[in-house]
Amino acid sequence: MSMSIHESTYYRRQHVTGPGCVLVSIKFGKTPEDGVLVVKRLALKQEEAEIQFDLDRYIEEILAGVQSANEKHNGNLEVQEIEVVPNDYPQRGQAMSAAFKIAEHVLTKNI
């Protein structure tokens, strides 16, 4: 029986301003038909954690940030997975800003 190894890369960027803090982690690839996969990033001894923020808004901001970078750089990145830290406390706009910077980096790194 052969075992295959699958490599995947998350691009991460922390965004801290005043009362808000968020670690945005995105994996690019084909967006699944039923929507972006959301994965919880847990601490070593943490078995479960409730997400402490508005996840729908967070996902919308990440998608908007990536779309904005796509438009600026004629890109076609799609978000396949988003990894979330359940006890982050993002302020409005932080996830979008971080996602834009991540996507812009990916789109322009080989130029």
C-alpha atoms as a PDB file:
ATOM      1  CA  MET A   1       0.000   0.000   0.000  1.00  0.00           C
ATOM      2  CA  SER A   2       1.535   3.316  -1.013  1.00  0.00           C
ATOM      3  CA  MET A   3       1.073   6.419   1.086  1.00  0.00           C
ATOM      4  CA  SER A   4       0.972   9.781  -0.600  1.00  0.00           C
ATOM      5  CA  ILE A   5       1.993  12.978   1.085  1.00  0.00           C
ATOM      6  CA  HIS A   6      -0.045  16.092   0.432  1.00  0.00           C
ATOM      7  CA  GLU A   7       1.627  19.459   0.845  1.00  0.00           C
ATOM      8  CA  SER A   8      -0.396  22.556   1.576  1.00  0.00           C
ATOM      9  CA  THR A   9       0.678  26.065   2.341  1.00  0.00           C
ATOM     10  CA  TYR A  10      -1.095  28.581   4.514  1.00  0.00           C
ATOM     11  CA  TYR A  11      -0.141  32.196   4.104  1.00  0.00           C
ATOM     12  CA  ARG A  12      -0.384  33.995   7.439  1.00  0.00           C
ATOM     13  CA  ARG A  13      -0.344  37.598   8.573  1.00  0.00           C
ATOM     14  CA  GLN A  14      -1.025  39.031  11.998  1.00  0.00           C
ATOM     15  CA  HIS A  15      -2.870  42.326  12.287  1.00  0.00           C
ATOM     16  CA  VAL A  16      -2.870  44.148  15.627  1.00  0.00           C
ATOM     17  CA  THR A  17      -4.362  47.611  16.124  1.00  0.00           C
ATOM     18  CA  GLY A  18      -5.564  49.078  19.380  1.00  0.00           C
ATOM     19  CA  PRO A  19      -8.261  46.795  20.772  1.00  0.00           C
ATOM     20  CA  GLY A  20      -8.182  44.276  17.907  1.00  0.00           C
ATOM     21  CA  CYS A  21      -5.964  41.312  17.161  1.00  0.00           C
ATOM     22  CA  VAL A  22      -6.245  38.673  14.456  1.00  0.00           C
ATOM     23  CA  LEU A  23      -4.049  36.091  12.744  1.00  0.00           C
ATOM     24  CA  VAL A  24      -5.295  35.639   9.185  1.00  0.00           C
ATOM     25  CA  SER A  25      -4.344  32.271   7.640  1.00  0.00           C
ATOM     26  CA  ILE A  26      -5.370  31.551   4.057  1.00  0.00           C
ATOM     27  CA  LYS A  27      -4.792  28.593   1.768  1.00  0.00           C
ATOM     28  CA  PHE A  28      -5.326  29.338  -1.905  1.00  0.00           C
ATOM     29  CA  GLY A  29      -6.714  26.801  -4.364  1.00  0.00           C
ATOM     30  CA  LYS A  30     -10.037  25.939  -5.912  1.00  0.00           C
ATOM     31  CA  THR A  31     -12.901  27.173  -3.714  1.00  0.00           C
ATOM     32  CA  PRO A  32     -15.055  24.148  -2.764  1.00  0.00           C
ATOM     33  CA  GLU A  33     -18.577  24.125  -4.227  1.00  0.00           C
ATOM     34  CA  ASP A  34     -20.128  24.285  -0.751  1.00  0.00           C
ATOM     35  CA  GLY A  35     -17.938  27.229   0.292  1.00  0.00           C
ATOM     36  CA  VAL A  36     -14.607  27.933   1.871  1.00  0.00           C
ATOM     37  CA  LEU A  37     -13.406  25.358   4.392  1.00  0.00           C
ATOM     38  CA  VAL A  38     -12.898  26.860   7.860  1.00  0.00           C
ATOM     39  CA  VAL A  39     -10.393  25.112  10.116  1.00  0.00           C
ATOM     40  CA  LYS A  40      -9.907  25.942  13.815  1.00  0.00           C
ATOM     41  CA  ARG A  41      -6.317  26.425  14.960  1.00  0.00           C
ATOM     42  CA  LEU A  42      -6.208  25.159  18.559  1.00  0.00           C
ATOM     43  CA  ALA A  43      -3.498  25.360  21.197  1.00  0.00           C
ATOM     44  CA  LEU A  44      -1.717  22.123  22.124  1.00  0.00           C
ATOM     45  CA  LYS A  45      -3.897  21.153  25.092  1.00  0.00           C
ATOM     46  CA  GLN A  46      -7.043  22.785  23.741  1.00  0.00           C
ATOM     47  CA  GLU A  47      -9.523  20.175  22.541  1.00  0.00           C
ATOM     48  CA  GLU A  48     -12.380  22.445  21.536  1.00  0.00           C
ATOM     49  CA  ALA A  49     -13.055  26.145  21.418  1.00  0.00           C
ATOM     50  CA  GLU A  50     -16.011  28.283  20.446  1.00  0.00           C
ATOM     51  CA  ILE A  51     -15.250  31.014  17.942  1.00  0.00           C
ATOM     52  CA  GLN A  52     -15.475  34.302  19.849  1.00  0.00           C
ATOM     53  CA  PHE A  53     -16.188  36.626  16.906  1.00  0.00           C
ATOM     54  CA  ASP A  54     -18.517  37.068  13.911  1.00  0.00           C
ATOM     55  CA  LEU A  55     -17.252  34.295  11.639  1.00  0.00           C
ATOM     56  CA  ASP A  56     -19.513  35.239   8.702  1.00  0.00           C
ATOM     57  CA  ARG A  57     -18.183  38.799   8.670  1.00  0.00           C
ATOM     58  CA  TYR A  58     -14.613  37.470   9.028  1.00  0.00           C
ATOM     59  CA  ILE A  59     -15.000  35.186   5.990  1.00  0.00           C
ATOM     60  CA  GLU A  60     -16.657  37.972   3.955  1.00  0.00           C
ATOM     61  CA  GLU A  61     -13.772  40.319   4.798  1.00  0.00           C
ATOM     62  CA  ILE A  62     -11.147  37.773   3.766  1.00  0.00           C
ATOM     63  CA  LEU A  63     -12.900  37.071   0.464  1.00  0.00           C
ATOM     64  CA  ALA A  64     -13.281  40.818  -0.175  1.00  0.00           C
ATOM     65  CA  GLY A  65      -9.602  41.451   0.574  1.00  0.00           C
ATOM     66  CA  VAL A  66      -8.486  38.708  -1.816  1.00  0.00           C
ATOM     67  CA  GLN A  67     -10.918  39.932  -4.483  1.00  0.00           C
ATOM     68  CA  SER A  68      -9.589  43.474  -4.138  1.00  0.00           C
ATOM     69  CA  ALA A  69      -6.004  42.246  -4.620  1.00  0.00           C
ATOM     70  CA  ASN A  70      -7.142  40.176  -7.625  1.00  0.00           C
ATOM     71  CA  GLU A  71      -8.690  43.286  -9.181  1.00  0.00           C
ATOM     72  CA  LYS A  72      -5.627  45.448  -8.493  1.00  0.00           C
ATOM     73  CA  HIS A  73      -3.147  42.915  -9.895  1.00  0.00           C
ATOM     74  CA  ASN A  74      -5.283  41.119 -12.532  1.00  0.00           C
ATOM     75  CA  GLY A  75      -5.135  37.970 -10.422  1.00  0.00           C
ATOM     76  CA  ASN A  76      -7.409  34.974 -10.074  1.00  0.00           C
ATOM     77  CA  LEU A  77      -6.653  33.665  -6.583  1.00  0.00           C
ATOM     78  CA  GLU A  78      -9.404  31.639  -4.931  1.00  0.00           C
ATOM     79  CA  VAL A  79      -9.638  30.956  -1.203  1.00  0.00           C
ATOM     80  CA  GLN A  80      -9.802  27.240  -0.460  1.00  0.00           C
ATOM     81  CA  GLU A  81      -9.339  27.243   3.316  1.00  0.00           C
ATOM     82  CA  ILE A  82      -9.277  29.744   6.149  1.00  0.00           C
ATOM     83  CA  GLU A  83      -7.670  28.781   9.432  1.00  0.00           C
ATOM     84  CA  VAL A  84      -9.087  30.639  12.440  1.00  0.00           C
ATOM     85  CA  VAL A  85      -7.870  31.181  15.975  1.00  0.00           C
ATOM     86  CA  PRO A  86     -11.119  30.882  17.975  1.00  0.00           C
ATOM     87  CA  ASN A  87     -10.222  33.452  20.637  1.00  0.00           C
ATOM     88  CA  ASP A  88      -8.938  36.176  18.298  1.00  0.00           C
ATOM     89  CA  TYR A  89     -10.759  39.486  18.533  1.00  0.00           C
ATOM     90  CA  PRO A  90     -10.674  41.149  15.109  1.00  0.00           C
ATOM     91  CA  GLN A  91     -12.018  44.646  14.650  1.00  0.00           C
ATOM     92  CA  ARG A  92     -13.987  45.488  11.512  1.00  0.00           C
ATOM     93  CA  GLY A  93     -11.676  45.686   8.509  1.00  0.00           C
ATOM     94  CA  GLN A  94      -8.655  43.933  10.030  1.00  0.00           C
ATOM     95  CA  ALA A  95      -9.213  40.592   8.289  1.00  0.00           C
ATOM     96  CA  MET A  96      -9.848  42.349   4.956  1.00  0.00           C
ATOM     97  CA  SER A  97      -6.645  44.359   5.249  1.00  0.00           C
ATOM     98  CA  ALA A  98      -4.545  41.319   6.170  1.00  0.00           C
ATOM     99  CA  ALA A  99      -6.124  39.185   3.424  1.00  0.00           C
ATOM    100  CA  PHE A 100      -5.436  41.914   0.847  1.00  0.00           C
ATOM    101  CA  LYS A 101      -1.767  42.089   1.879  1.00  0.00           C
ATOM    102  CA  ILE A 102      -1.411  38.286   1.782  1.00  0.00           C
ATOM    103  CA  ALA A 103      -3.017  38.013  -1.668  1.00  0.00           C
ATOM    104  CA  GLU A 104      -0.998  40.948  -2.977  1.00  0.00           C
ATOM    105  CA  HIS A 105       2.192  39.254  -1.775  1.00  0.00           C
ATOM    106  CA  VAL A 106       1.267  35.993  -3.536  1.00  0.00           C
ATOM    107  CA  LEU A 107       0.295  37.793  -6.753  1.00  0.00           C
ATOM    108  CA  THR A 108       3.437  39.959  -6.929  1.00  0.00           C
ATOM    109  CA  LYS A 109       6.186  37.806  -5.373  1.00  0.00           C
ATOM    110  CA  ASN A 110       7.481  36.529  -8.723  1.00  0.00           C
ATOM    111  CA  ILE A 111       7.257  39.780 -10.638  1.00  0.00           C
END
